[in-house]
Amino acid sequence: MSDHTPSHENKLIKPKHKDNKKLCCKCDNYYEMTSEFFSKNSDSADKLDNRCKICYKKYGQEFDARLFLEQLI
């Protein structure tokens, strides 16, 4: 049996909220819990998305690029 522990089990778990700041689930950075940094999400307990606007925009651009490449094939 191996003593190897998967890397995701070694990762420190950060609290989702700290000092009126929220953790982005993609970039692991804390930002103020305002609509300046997070989009609104009525399904969330704090009414904010779990990704910051920077990551949300980056994901959208990557998604658009993948769709474009799929259309070329």
N, C-alpha and C. Protein backbone atom coordinates (compact mmCIF):
# COMPACT_ATOMS: atom_id res chain seq x y z
N MET A 1 0.84 -1.18 0.00
CA MET A 1 0.00 0.00 0.00
C MET A 1 0.89 1.25 0.00
N SER A 2 0.53 2.25 -0.75
CA SER A 2 1.33 3.47 -0.90
C SER A 2 1.02 4.47 0.21
N ASP A 3 2.07 5.19 0.63
CA ASP A 3 1.89 6.24 1.64
C ASP A 3 1.62 7.59 0.98
N HIS A 4 1.47 7.58 -0.33
CA HIS A 4 1.26 8.83 -1.06
C HIS A 4 -0.13 9.40 -0.77
N THR A 5 -0.17 10.67 -0.39
CA THR A 5 -1.42 11.36 -0.15
C THR A 5 -1.69 12.26 -1.34
N PRO A 6 -2.87 12.21 -1.95
CA PRO A 6 -3.16 13.09 -3.08
C PRO A 6 -2.95 14.56 -2.71
N SER A 7 -2.48 15.34 -3.68
CA SER A 7 -2.15 16.74 -3.41
C SER A 7 -3.35 17.54 -2.92
N HIS A 8 -4.56 17.23 -3.39
CA HIS A 8 -5.73 17.99 -2.95
C HIS A 8 -6.02 17.77 -1.47
N GLU A 9 -5.53 16.68 -0.89
CA GLU A 9 -5.74 16.45 0.54
C GLU A 9 -4.72 17.23 1.37
N ASN A 10 -3.59 17.60 0.77
CA ASN A 10 -2.57 18.36 1.48
C ASN A 10 -2.84 19.86 1.45
N LYS A 11 -3.71 20.30 0.57
CA LYS A 11 -3.98 21.72 0.40
C LYS A 11 -4.68 22.28 1.64
N LEU A 12 -4.20 23.43 2.09
CA LEU A 12 -4.83 24.09 3.23
C LEU A 12 -6.21 24.59 2.81
N ILE A 13 -7.17 24.40 3.67
CA ILE A 13 -8.52 24.85 3.37
C ILE A 13 -8.69 26.25 3.93
N LYS A 14 -8.98 27.19 3.04
CA LYS A 14 -9.18 28.58 3.46
C LYS A 14 -10.65 28.80 3.79
N PRO A 15 -10.93 29.62 4.79
CA PRO A 15 -12.33 29.94 5.08
C PRO A 15 -12.93 30.74 3.92
N LYS A 16 -14.22 30.54 3.64
CA LYS A 16 -14.86 31.22 2.53
C LYS A 16 -15.01 32.72 2.77
N HIS A 17 -15.16 33.12 4.03
CA HIS A 17 -15.31 34.53 4.37
C HIS A 17 -14.30 34.88 5.45
N LYS A 18 -13.69 36.05 5.32
CA LYS A 18 -12.72 36.49 6.31
C LYS A 18 -12.67 38.01 6.32
N ASP A 19 -12.93 38.62 7.46
CA ASP A 19 -12.86 40.08 7.61
C ASP A 19 -13.67 40.81 6.53
N ASN A 20 -14.93 40.41 6.37
CA ASN A 20 -15.83 40.99 5.38
C ASN A 20 -15.30 40.83 3.95
N LYS A 21 -14.49 39.79 3.73
CA LYS A 21 -13.99 39.48 2.40
C LYS A 21 -14.41 38.06 2.05
N LYS A 22 -14.50 37.80 0.76
CA LYS A 22 -14.95 36.49 0.28
C LYS A 22 -13.85 35.87 -0.57
N LEU A 23 -13.74 34.55 -0.48
CA LEU A 23 -12.75 33.80 -1.22
C LEU A 23 -13.29 33.42 -2.60
N CYS A 24 -12.54 33.73 -3.65
CA CYS A 24 -12.90 33.29 -5.00
C CYS A 24 -12.49 31.83 -5.13
N CYS A 25 -13.42 31.00 -5.60
CA CYS A 25 -13.16 29.56 -5.69
C CYS A 25 -12.19 29.21 -6.81
N LYS A 26 -11.94 30.12 -7.74
CA LYS A 26 -11.04 29.83 -8.86
C LYS A 26 -9.61 30.30 -8.59
N CYS A 27 -9.44 31.54 -8.18
CA CYS A 27 -8.09 32.10 -8.03
C CYS A 27 -7.58 32.06 -6.59
N ASP A 28 -8.43 31.68 -5.63
CA ASP A 28 -8.06 31.59 -4.21
C ASP A 28 -7.61 32.92 -3.61
N ASN A 29 -8.14 34.02 -4.13
CA ASN A 29 -7.86 35.34 -3.56
C ASN A 29 -9.09 35.84 -2.83
N TYR A 30 -8.87 36.64 -1.81
CA TYR A 30 -9.96 37.27 -1.07
C TYR A 30 -10.23 38.65 -1.65
N TYR A 31 -11.52 38.96 -1.81
CA TYR A 31 -11.95 40.28 -2.27
C TYR A 31 -13.08 40.74 -1.37
N GLU A 32 -13.31 42.06 -1.34
CA GLU A 32 -14.41 42.59 -0.56
C GLU A 32 -15.73 42.01 -1.07
N MET A 33 -16.62 41.75 -0.15
CA MET A 33 -17.92 41.16 -0.49
C MET A 33 -18.87 42.23 -1.03
N THR A 34 -18.54 42.73 -2.21
CA THR A 34 -19.36 43.74 -2.85
C THR A 34 -19.59 43.36 -4.31
N SER A 35 -20.56 44.03 -4.93
CA SER A 35 -20.84 43.77 -6.34
C SER A 35 -19.73 44.32 -7.24
N GLU A 36 -18.78 45.04 -6.67
CA GLU A 36 -17.62 45.50 -7.45
C GLU A 36 -16.73 44.30 -7.81
N PHE A 37 -16.66 43.31 -6.93
CA PHE A 37 -15.78 42.17 -7.14
C PHE A 37 -16.49 40.87 -7.48
N PHE A 38 -17.76 40.73 -7.07
CA PHE A 38 -18.52 39.51 -7.31
C PHE A 38 -19.86 39.84 -7.96
N SER A 39 -20.25 39.04 -8.94
CA SER A 39 -21.57 39.20 -9.54
C SER A 39 -22.63 38.71 -8.55
N LYS A 40 -23.85 39.18 -8.73
CA LYS A 40 -24.94 38.76 -7.86
C LYS A 40 -25.40 37.36 -8.22
N ASN A 41 -25.78 36.60 -7.19
CA ASN A 41 -26.30 35.25 -7.38
C ASN A 41 -27.35 35.01 -6.30
N SER A 42 -28.60 35.03 -6.69
CA SER A 42 -29.68 34.91 -5.71
C SER A 42 -29.76 33.53 -5.07
N ASP A 43 -29.13 32.53 -5.68
CA ASP A 43 -29.15 31.18 -5.10
C ASP A 43 -28.12 30.99 -3.99
N SER A 44 -27.16 31.88 -3.89
CA SER A 44 -26.10 31.79 -2.88
C SER A 44 -26.58 32.39 -1.55
N ALA A 45 -26.07 31.86 -0.46
CA ALA A 45 -26.47 32.35 0.87
C ALA A 45 -26.11 33.83 1.06
N ASP A 46 -24.95 34.24 0.53
CA ASP A 46 -24.55 35.64 0.67
C ASP A 46 -24.96 36.49 -0.53
N LYS A 47 -25.70 35.88 -1.48
CA LYS A 47 -26.24 36.54 -2.67
C LYS A 47 -25.15 36.99 -3.65
N LEU A 48 -23.95 36.40 -3.55
CA LEU A 48 -22.86 36.72 -4.46
C LEU A 48 -22.35 35.44 -5.11
N ASP A 49 -21.85 35.56 -6.33
CA ASP A 49 -21.29 34.42 -7.05
C ASP A 49 -20.07 33.89 -6.31
N ASN A 50 -19.69 32.64 -6.56
CA ASN A 50 -18.52 32.09 -5.87
C ASN A 50 -17.21 32.36 -6.62
N ARG A 51 -17.30 32.93 -7.83
CA ARG A 51 -16.11 33.35 -8.57
C ARG A 51 -16.07 34.87 -8.64
N CYS A 52 -14.88 35.43 -8.53
CA CYS A 52 -14.75 36.88 -8.67
C CYS A 52 -15.02 37.27 -10.13
N LYS A 53 -15.27 38.53 -10.37
CA LYS A 53 -15.60 39.00 -11.71
C LYS A 53 -14.43 38.79 -12.68
N ILE A 54 -13.21 38.88 -12.18
CA ILE A 54 -12.03 38.66 -13.04
C ILE A 54 -12.03 37.22 -13.55
N CYS A 55 -12.22 36.27 -12.65
CA CYS A 55 -12.23 34.85 -13.05
C CYS A 55 -13.45 34.54 -13.90
N TYR A 56 -14.59 35.13 -13.58
CA TYR A 56 -15.80 34.91 -14.35
C TYR A 56 -15.60 35.36 -15.79
N LYS A 57 -14.98 36.53 -15.95
CA LYS A 57 -14.72 37.06 -17.30
C LYS A 57 -13.71 36.19 -18.03
N LYS A 58 -12.66 35.78 -17.33
CA LYS A 58 -11.64 34.93 -17.94
C LYS A 58 -12.25 33.60 -18.39
N TYR A 59 -13.10 33.00 -17.57
CA TYR A 59 -13.76 31.75 -17.93
C TYR A 59 -14.62 31.95 -19.17
N GLY A 60 -15.33 33.06 -19.24
CA GLY A 60 -16.18 33.35 -20.40
C GLY A 60 -15.37 33.47 -21.67
N GLN A 61 -14.22 34.12 -21.59
CA GLN A 61 -13.35 34.26 -22.76
C GLN A 61 -12.80 32.90 -23.19
N GLU A 62 -12.41 32.07 -22.23
CA GLU A 62 -11.90 30.74 -22.56
C GLU A 62 -13.00 29.88 -23.17
N PHE A 63 -14.22 30.01 -22.65
CA PHE A 63 -15.35 29.26 -23.17
C PHE A 63 -15.64 29.68 -24.61
N ASP A 64 -15.64 31.00 -24.86
CA ASP A 64 -15.88 31.50 -26.22
C ASP A 64 -14.81 31.00 -27.18
N ALA A 65 -13.56 30.96 -26.73
CA ALA A 65 -12.47 30.49 -27.58
C ALA A 65 -12.65 29.00 -27.91
N ARG A 66 -13.07 28.20 -26.92
CA ARG A 66 -13.31 26.77 -27.17
C ARG A 66 -14.45 26.58 -28.17
N LEU A 67 -15.52 27.35 -28.03
CA LEU A 67 -16.63 27.26 -28.98
C LEU A 67 -16.17 27.61 -30.39
N PHE A 68 -15.37 28.64 -30.51
CA PHE A 68 -14.86 29.07 -31.81
C PHE A 68 -14.01 27.96 -32.43
N LEU A 69 -13.13 27.37 -31.65
CA LEU A 69 -12.28 26.30 -32.17
C LEU A 69 -13.09 25.08 -32.57
N GLU A 70 -14.13 24.75 -31.82
CA GLU A 70 -14.98 23.62 -32.15
C GLU A 70 -15.71 23.86 -33.48
N GLN A 71 -16.06 25.09 -33.76
CA GLN A 71 -16.75 25.41 -35.00
C GLN A 71 -15.82 25.26 -36.21
N LEU A 72 -14.51 25.42 -36.00
CA LEU A 72 -13.54 25.30 -37.08
C LEU A 72 -13.33 23.84 -37.49
N ILE A 73 -13.62 22.94 -36.57
CA ILE A 73 -13.36 21.50 -36.85
C ILE A 73 -14.46 20.91 -37.70
